[in-house]
Amino acid sequence: MGIVNLTPDSFSGDGRIGDVVSAIAHARAQLEAGADMLDLGAESSRPGAMPTPEDEELARLLPVLAEVTHWGVPVSVDTYKPVVMQAALAAGASMINDITGMRDPAALAAVAASSAAVCVMHMQGEPGTMQRAPAYANVVAEVEDFLVSAVDRCQQAKIDRSRIVLDPGFGFGKSLGHNLALFRALAADRWAGLPLLVGVSRKSMLGEITGRPVTERQAASVAAAIMAAQKGAKIIRVHDVAATRDALAVWAAIEQGGSDE
């Protein structure tokens, strides 16, 4: 999943705002680099971010979405607002990526009325304050419980399990220790038996491990992507598509190659 940020304040420094041509060119570059799907986000959810008004989010999103939905690849829209979800789905989005875990009944209704997939993510708190003092008694159990409950909510709203993807929410109200515990648990027999999306590309957890700024985290991001794939993640959300695809190709050749030794 290639990331396309349509915001002025992306933590990764790759945000594009006000220049539809540039944003579309970036989306095309992600696709040409080997992305199987695109994830468009028009509101920053980085730690400390403030909410974006609906009309502004739509103004950033819809011109780009109108173009990329004609490219023949799945397009995810990263939003938690039901009005934006409805507009995105009407414009041809094939997945809604909800950082709030589909807790809003109107969000459930918007997705249920479509045939789109939905990615349900766990977040403790909200972006503005989530990283101030995240705390859990057992982070893996609590995140799993939340996601299982979210799946139940979706099914009660007539969203079939076959349309649901889960995201543990790395970096969303979690310390480095919490993130590492969740990462270790990816391969466990849990998560409601549903496919997982993992998004750790360029995140602060990698900076804490390596000591490198966000602009120098490609190698760490690729390493994390490979480990997520090894643990069974079905969707890897990344900024650096080409480097990640190359690494995945090497891993696949070694692990899944023929027997011509």
Protein backbone atom coordinates (compact mmCIF):
# COMPACT_ATOMS: atom_id res chain seq x y z
CA MET A 1 0.00 0.00 0.00
CA GLY A 2 1.64 3.20 -1.21
CA ILE A 3 1.03 6.26 0.96
CA VAL A 4 -0.21 9.48 -0.66
CA ASN A 5 -0.39 12.30 1.91
CA LEU A 6 -2.55 15.26 0.91
CA THR A 7 -1.75 17.28 4.03
CA PRO A 8 0.54 20.21 4.86
CA ASP A 9 1.77 18.67 8.11
CA SER A 10 2.58 15.02 7.47
CA PHE A 11 5.09 13.72 10.03
CA SER A 12 7.09 12.14 7.21
CA GLY A 13 7.58 15.38 5.33
CA ASP A 14 5.95 14.11 2.12
CA GLY A 15 2.67 15.98 2.38
CA ARG A 16 1.20 17.55 -0.74
CA ILE A 17 -1.47 20.21 -0.45
CA GLY A 18 -3.00 22.64 -2.91
CA ASP A 19 -1.19 21.17 -5.91
CA VAL A 20 -3.42 18.52 -7.42
CA VAL A 21 -1.01 17.88 -10.29
CA SER A 22 1.87 17.19 -7.88
CA ALA A 23 -0.28 14.95 -5.72
CA ILE A 24 -1.48 12.93 -8.70
CA ALA A 25 2.11 12.65 -9.94
CA HIS A 26 3.18 11.30 -6.55
CA ALA A 27 0.33 8.77 -6.60
CA ARG A 28 1.40 7.69 -10.09
CA ALA A 29 5.01 7.38 -8.92
CA GLN A 30 3.92 5.14 -6.03
CA LEU A 31 2.05 2.95 -8.48
CA GLU A 32 4.95 2.77 -10.92
CA ALA A 33 7.29 1.91 -8.04
CA GLY A 34 5.24 -1.23 -7.46
CA ALA A 35 2.37 -0.36 -5.14
CA ASP A 36 -0.55 -2.78 -5.37
CA MET A 37 -2.90 -0.21 -3.86
CA LEU A 38 -2.89 3.43 -2.79
CA ASP A 39 -3.89 5.06 0.50
CA LEU A 40 -4.97 8.70 0.26
CA GLY A 41 -5.15 10.79 3.42
CA ALA A 42 -6.21 14.43 3.59
CA GLU A 43 -6.01 14.92 7.36
CA SER A 44 -2.85 14.40 9.37
CA SER A 45 -3.06 11.90 12.22
CA ARG A 46 0.50 12.43 13.44
CA PRO A 47 0.96 12.90 17.21
CA GLY A 48 -0.17 16.38 18.17
CA ALA A 49 -2.21 16.94 15.02
CA MET A 50 -5.37 19.01 15.22
CA PRO A 51 -8.61 18.00 13.42
CA THR A 52 -9.21 19.25 9.88
CA PRO A 53 -12.65 20.65 8.97
CA GLU A 54 -14.72 18.37 6.74
CA ASP A 55 -14.91 20.84 3.86
CA GLU A 56 -11.14 21.32 3.85
CA GLU A 57 -10.49 17.58 3.96
CA LEU A 58 -12.86 17.04 1.04
CA ALA A 59 -11.28 19.86 -0.96
CA ARG A 60 -7.87 18.25 -0.57
CA LEU A 61 -9.07 14.72 -1.26
CA LEU A 62 -11.68 14.68 -3.99
CA PRO A 63 -9.74 16.14 -6.95
CA VAL A 64 -6.98 13.56 -6.50
CA LEU A 65 -9.38 10.72 -5.79
CA ALA A 66 -11.36 11.54 -8.95
CA GLU A 67 -8.22 10.81 -10.98
CA VAL A 68 -6.68 7.81 -9.24
CA THR A 69 -9.88 5.77 -9.01
CA HIS A 70 -9.68 5.36 -12.80
CA TRP A 71 -6.27 3.67 -12.69
CA GLY A 72 -7.55 0.15 -12.10
CA VAL A 73 -5.99 -0.30 -8.64
CA PRO A 74 -7.66 -0.40 -5.23
CA VAL A 75 -7.74 3.02 -3.57
CA SER A 76 -8.08 3.39 0.19
CA VAL A 77 -9.12 6.65 1.85
CA ASP A 78 -7.79 7.38 5.32
CA THR A 79 -10.61 9.15 7.17
CA TYR A 80 -12.80 8.76 10.25
CA LYS A 81 -15.49 11.26 9.21
CA PRO A 82 -18.75 9.72 7.90
CA VAL A 83 -19.38 12.62 5.50
CA VAL A 84 -15.92 12.19 3.97
CA MET A 85 -16.42 8.43 3.83
CA GLN A 86 -19.67 8.86 1.91
CA ALA A 87 -18.08 11.25 -0.57
CA ALA A 88 -15.02 9.03 -1.02
CA LEU A 89 -17.12 5.93 -1.60
CA ALA A 90 -19.31 7.79 -4.08
CA ALA A 91 -16.13 8.83 -5.92
CA GLY A 92 -14.99 5.22 -6.23
CA ALA A 93 -12.85 4.47 -3.17
CA SER A 94 -12.54 0.73 -2.58
CA MET A 95 -11.52 0.86 1.08
CA ILE A 96 -12.06 3.12 4.07
CA ASN A 97 -9.14 3.25 6.51
CA ASP A 98 -10.57 4.40 9.86
CA ILE A 99 -8.07 5.24 12.62
CA THR A 100 -10.91 5.42 15.17
CA GLY A 101 -11.94 1.79 14.72
CA MET A 102 -15.43 2.35 13.29
CA ARG A 103 -16.83 3.58 16.58
CA ASP A 104 -19.20 6.08 14.94
CA PRO A 105 -22.58 4.55 13.97
CA ALA A 106 -22.73 6.92 10.99
CA ALA A 107 -19.37 5.58 9.78
CA LEU A 108 -20.66 2.03 10.07
CA ALA A 109 -23.75 2.98 8.08
CA ALA A 110 -21.68 4.67 5.36
CA VAL A 111 -19.49 1.62 4.81
CA ALA A 112 -22.37 -0.84 5.15
CA ALA A 113 -24.23 0.93 2.35
CA SER A 114 -21.32 0.26 0.00
CA SER A 115 -19.41 -2.80 -1.18
CA ALA A 116 -16.07 -1.37 -0.04
CA ALA A 117 -13.60 -2.91 2.34
CA VAL A 118 -12.79 -1.31 5.68
CA CYS A 119 -9.60 -1.21 7.71
CA VAL A 120 -10.36 -0.96 11.42
CA MET A 121 -7.53 0.46 13.52
CA HIS A 122 -6.87 0.68 17.24
CA MET A 123 -5.96 4.02 18.75
CA GLN A 124 -5.75 4.99 22.41
CA GLY A 125 -6.94 8.56 22.78
CA GLU A 126 -6.87 10.95 19.82
CA PRO A 127 -4.03 12.30 17.68
CA GLY A 128 -3.68 15.57 19.55
CA THR A 129 -2.84 13.89 22.86
CA MET A 130 -2.35 10.17 22.20
CA GLN A 131 1.41 10.10 22.78
CA ARG A 132 1.52 12.04 26.04
CA ALA A 133 1.28 9.07 28.40
CA PRO A 134 -0.04 5.88 26.75
CA ALA A 135 -0.71 3.16 29.32
CA TYR A 136 -1.99 -0.42 29.23
CA ALA A 137 -2.18 -3.32 31.65
CA ASN A 138 -1.60 -5.69 28.72
CA VAL A 139 -1.28 -3.93 25.39
CA VAL A 140 -1.67 -7.01 23.18
CA ALA A 141 -4.79 -8.24 24.97
CA GLU A 142 -6.37 -4.79 25.08
CA VAL A 143 -5.73 -4.03 21.43
CA GLU A 144 -7.02 -7.45 20.43
CA ASP A 145 -10.16 -7.01 22.55
CA PHE A 146 -10.84 -3.64 20.95
CA LEU A 147 -10.43 -5.01 17.43
CA VAL A 148 -12.60 -8.05 18.11
CA SER A 149 -15.31 -5.72 19.42
CA ALA A 150 -14.91 -3.55 16.34
CA VAL A 151 -15.41 -6.58 14.12
CA ASP A 152 -18.61 -7.37 16.03
CA ARG A 153 -19.82 -3.79 15.49
CA CYS A 154 -19.12 -4.07 11.79
CA GLN A 155 -20.93 -7.37 11.46
CA GLN A 156 -23.92 -6.08 13.39
CA ALA A 157 -24.04 -3.22 10.88
CA LYS A 158 -24.15 -5.79 8.03
CA ILE A 159 -20.51 -5.39 6.99
CA ASP A 160 -19.38 -8.90 6.12
CA ARG A 161 -16.15 -10.28 7.66
CA SER A 162 -14.74 -10.74 4.17
CA ARG A 163 -14.61 -6.94 3.84
CA ILE A 164 -12.70 -6.28 7.08
CA VAL A 165 -8.96 -5.72 7.62
CA LEU A 166 -7.45 -5.01 11.06
CA ASP A 167 -4.65 -2.63 12.04
CA PRO A 168 -3.11 -2.75 15.56
CA GLY A 169 -2.30 0.95 15.22
CA PHE A 170 1.44 1.20 15.67
CA GLY A 171 2.33 4.58 17.12
CA PHE A 172 -1.26 5.57 17.89
CA GLY A 173 -1.29 5.95 21.66
CA LYS A 174 1.58 3.52 22.23
CA SER A 175 5.12 3.69 23.58
CA LEU A 176 8.05 1.93 21.95
CA GLY A 177 7.58 -0.99 24.32
CA HIS A 178 3.90 -1.25 23.42
CA ASN A 179 4.71 -1.16 19.70
CA LEU A 180 7.33 -3.88 20.01
CA ALA A 181 5.02 -6.12 22.03
CA LEU A 182 2.34 -5.76 19.36
CA PHE A 183 4.82 -6.46 16.60
CA ARG A 184 5.95 -9.66 18.30
CA ALA A 185 2.30 -10.73 18.56
CA LEU A 186 1.50 -10.32 14.86
CA ALA A 187 2.06 -13.98 14.07
CA ALA A 188 0.01 -15.24 17.00
CA ASP A 189 -3.30 -17.02 16.54
CA ARG A 190 -5.45 -14.03 17.36
CA TRP A 191 -6.80 -10.89 15.65
CA ALA A 192 -10.18 -12.55 14.99
CA GLY A 193 -8.59 -14.57 12.19
CA LEU A 194 -8.73 -11.55 9.87
CA PRO A 195 -6.00 -10.09 7.64
CA LEU A 196 -3.71 -7.48 9.17
CA LEU A 197 -2.48 -4.18 7.81
CA VAL A 198 0.84 -3.00 9.28
CA GLY A 199 1.97 0.60 9.00
CA VAL A 200 5.24 1.50 10.69
CA SER A 201 6.95 3.26 7.77
CA ARG A 202 9.21 6.12 8.99
CA LYS A 203 7.46 6.20 12.37
CA SER A 204 8.98 7.46 15.60
CA MET A 205 9.35 3.92 16.97
CA LEU A 206 11.98 3.38 14.28
CA GLY A 207 13.63 6.65 15.22
CA GLU A 208 13.78 5.57 18.85
CA ILE A 209 15.43 2.30 17.86
CA THR A 210 17.94 3.72 15.36
CA GLY A 211 18.42 7.28 16.59
CA ARG A 212 17.78 8.55 13.07
CA PRO A 213 15.50 11.44 12.00
CA VAL A 214 12.44 10.78 9.88
CA THR A 215 14.31 11.55 6.66
CA GLU A 216 16.80 8.75 7.34
CA ARG A 217 14.50 5.87 8.26
CA GLN A 218 14.14 4.08 4.93
CA ALA A 219 16.37 1.15 5.88
CA ALA A 220 14.60 0.71 9.21
CA SER A 221 11.21 0.97 7.51
CA VAL A 222 12.12 -1.70 4.96
CA ALA A 223 13.43 -4.01 7.70
CA ALA A 224 10.18 -3.60 9.63
CA ALA A 225 8.15 -4.25 6.48
CA ILE A 226 9.98 -7.52 5.84
CA MET A 227 9.44 -8.66 9.41
CA ALA A 228 5.74 -7.77 9.18
CA ALA A 229 5.44 -9.84 6.00
CA GLN A 230 7.27 -12.73 7.65
CA LYS A 231 4.77 -12.60 10.50
CA GLY A 232 1.87 -12.80 8.07
CA ALA A 233 0.72 -9.21 7.51
CA LYS A 234 -1.32 -9.04 4.31
CA ILE A 235 -1.00 -5.30 3.65
CA ILE A 236 2.17 -3.29 4.30
CA ARG A 237 1.54 0.49 4.29
CA VAL A 238 4.73 2.29 3.19
CA HIS A 239 6.22 5.53 1.91
CA ASP A 240 9.17 3.89 0.15
CA VAL A 241 7.45 1.51 -2.24
CA ALA A 242 10.33 0.58 -4.55
CA ALA A 243 12.79 -0.22 -1.76
CA THR A 244 10.16 -2.27 0.06
CA ARG A 245 9.18 -4.21 -3.05
CA ASP A 246 12.82 -5.04 -3.79
CA ALA A 247 13.34 -6.33 -0.26
CA LEU A 248 10.14 -8.36 -0.39
CA ALA A 249 11.21 -9.86 -3.73
CA VAL A 250 14.53 -11.01 -2.24
CA TRP A 251 12.79 -12.48 0.81
CA ALA A 252 10.23 -14.28 -1.38
CA ALA A 253 12.93 -15.68 -3.66
CA ILE A 254 14.83 -17.12 -0.71
CA GLU A 255 11.87 -18.40 1.27
CA GLN A 256 9.56 -19.48 -1.54
CA GLY A 257 12.00 -20.30 -4.37
CA GLY A 258 12.42 -23.63 -6.12
CA SER A 259 14.59 -26.58 -5.11
CA ASP A 260 17.40 -26.21 -7.66
CA GLU A 261 20.19 -26.09 -5.09
